[in-house]
Amino acid sequence: QLVESGGGSVQFGGSLTLSCVLSGFTSDDYAIGWFRRAPGKGREFVAGINRSGVNKEYSGSATGRFTVSRDKGKNTVYLRMNMVKPEDTAVYYCAASDEFISRDSGEYEFWGQGTQVTVSA
């Protein structure tokens, strides 16, 4: 099970940290991806981190503003969002893959329920 938290309302230019807690399995066995779905749009890859936490990938819109990290001791993966923009408004999901980081949502076996992020101008 994956459980996201940390969403909420934030103003343009502000920061927010999302958390994804993995329960029922060991996070070391999974790469984790963060995706988002904005109103009226499809699911979009945001960031991903591999099992060791060494390799990370970001979408173009996240590069330079968002940081993905993981705390193995807490079985938790984080997405730090800085300099947020109204276009970052979406439901954010974390997902686990027993393979590698992928920008394809179909490569992930487990999903959280999502957490809403709303950025006001």
Protein backbone atom coordinates (compact mmCIF):
# COMPACT_ATOMS: atom_id res chain seq x y z
CA GLN A 1 0.00 0.00 0.00
CA LEU A 2 1.17 3.51 -0.82
CA VAL A 3 -0.23 6.50 1.03
CA GLU A 4 0.43 10.06 -0.09
CA SER A 5 0.14 13.10 2.12
CA GLY A 6 1.28 16.69 2.25
CA GLY A 7 -0.98 18.16 -0.38
CA GLY A 8 -2.90 21.36 0.14
CA SER A 9 -3.23 24.93 -1.01
CA VAL A 10 -0.16 27.04 -1.66
CA GLN A 11 0.46 30.38 -3.28
CA PHE A 12 2.38 30.97 -6.48
CA GLY A 13 6.11 30.77 -5.78
CA GLY A 14 5.66 28.83 -2.56
CA SER A 15 6.83 25.37 -1.54
CA LEU A 16 5.29 22.09 -0.55
CA THR A 17 6.60 18.63 0.32
CA LEU A 18 4.62 15.54 -0.57
CA SER A 19 5.25 12.23 1.19
CA CYS A 20 4.62 8.69 0.01
CA VAL A 21 4.72 6.04 2.70
CA LEU A 22 5.12 2.44 1.57
CA SER A 23 3.54 -0.08 3.87
CA GLY A 24 3.37 -3.81 3.53
CA PHE A 25 6.51 -4.08 1.46
CA THR A 26 10.12 -2.92 1.52
CA SER A 27 10.76 0.28 -0.38
CA ASP A 28 14.26 -0.95 -1.35
CA ASP A 29 12.62 -3.36 -3.78
CA TYR A 30 10.85 -0.67 -5.77
CA ALA A 31 11.51 2.32 -7.92
CA ILE A 32 9.03 5.09 -7.15
CA GLY A 33 7.45 7.48 -9.57
CA TRP A 34 5.46 10.63 -8.94
CA PHE A 35 2.67 11.41 -11.39
CA ARG A 36 -0.01 14.04 -11.51
CA ARG A 37 -3.38 14.53 -13.13
CA ALA A 38 -4.59 18.05 -13.71
CA PRO A 39 -8.29 18.78 -14.31
CA GLY A 40 -9.25 17.72 -17.80
CA LYS A 41 -5.84 16.24 -18.56
CA GLY A 42 -4.22 12.83 -18.58
CA ARG A 43 -1.79 11.44 -16.05
CA GLU A 44 1.65 12.98 -16.37
CA PHE A 45 5.04 11.79 -15.14
CA VAL A 46 6.64 14.27 -12.74
CA ALA A 47 9.66 12.60 -11.13
CA GLY A 48 11.09 9.20 -10.30
CA ILE A 49 13.74 7.68 -8.09
CA ASN A 50 15.37 4.28 -8.38
CA ARG A 51 15.68 1.64 -5.68
CA SER A 52 18.98 2.86 -4.33
CA GLY A 53 17.99 6.51 -4.45
CA VAL A 54 21.00 7.36 -6.59
CA ASN A 55 19.27 7.78 -9.94
CA LYS A 56 16.51 10.33 -10.39
CA GLU A 57 14.51 11.57 -13.33
CA TYR A 58 12.36 14.64 -13.78
CA SER A 59 9.91 15.96 -16.31
CA GLY A 60 10.82 19.15 -18.07
CA SER A 61 8.41 21.17 -15.97
CA ALA A 62 9.78 19.73 -12.72
CA THR A 63 13.45 20.09 -13.51
CA GLY A 64 15.08 22.75 -11.38
CA ARG A 65 12.03 23.18 -9.14
CA PHE A 66 11.15 19.74 -7.74
CA THR A 67 13.35 17.26 -5.89
CA VAL A 68 12.59 13.59 -5.29
CA SER A 69 14.26 11.75 -2.43
CA ARG A 70 13.77 8.68 -0.29
CA ASP A 71 14.32 7.74 3.33
CA LYS A 72 14.73 3.98 3.47
CA GLY A 73 14.56 3.90 7.25
CA LYS A 74 11.11 5.47 7.11
CA ASN A 75 10.02 3.60 3.97
CA THR A 76 9.07 6.98 2.58
CA VAL A 77 9.64 8.85 -0.66
CA TYR A 78 9.33 12.62 -0.85
CA LEU A 79 8.64 15.16 -3.56
CA ARG A 80 9.81 18.63 -2.61
CA MET A 81 8.08 21.22 -4.76
CA ASN A 82 9.60 24.70 -4.91
CA MET A 83 8.59 27.78 -6.90
CA VAL A 84 5.18 26.27 -7.58
CA LYS A 85 2.99 27.64 -10.35
CA PRO A 86 -0.77 27.53 -10.95
CA GLU A 87 -0.14 24.94 -13.67
CA ASP A 88 1.20 22.59 -10.97
CA THR A 89 -2.36 22.28 -9.66
CA ALA A 90 -3.27 18.60 -9.85
CA VAL A 91 -3.81 15.41 -7.91
CA TYR A 92 -0.39 13.92 -7.24
CA TYR A 93 0.14 10.17 -7.09
CA CYS A 94 3.08 8.03 -6.13
CA ALA A 95 3.53 4.64 -7.73
CA ALA A 96 5.86 1.67 -7.24
CA SER A 97 7.62 -0.38 -9.88
CA ASP A 98 9.68 -3.50 -9.21
CA GLU A 99 11.72 -2.70 -12.30
CA PHE A 100 13.22 0.71 -13.08
CA ILE A 101 12.13 4.32 -13.18
CA SER A 102 9.73 4.77 -16.06
CA ARG A 103 7.81 7.72 -17.45
CA ASP A 104 5.14 5.24 -18.54
CA SER A 105 2.48 4.89 -15.86
CA GLY A 106 1.71 1.40 -17.16
CA GLU A 107 5.05 0.17 -15.81
CA TYR A 108 4.00 0.70 -12.18
CA GLU A 109 2.27 -2.04 -10.22
CA PHE A 110 1.06 -0.18 -7.15
CA TRP A 111 -0.53 3.24 -6.75
CA GLY A 112 -1.52 5.53 -3.94
CA GLN A 113 -4.87 7.26 -3.68
CA GLY A 114 -3.47 10.69 -4.53
CA THR A 115 -3.16 14.01 -2.77
CA GLN A 116 -4.51 17.31 -4.10
CA VAL A 117 -2.20 20.25 -4.68
CA THR A 118 -3.76 23.60 -5.50
CA VAL A 119 -1.63 26.59 -6.41
CA SER A 120 -3.24 30.01 -6.39
CA ALA A 121 -1.95 32.94 -8.41
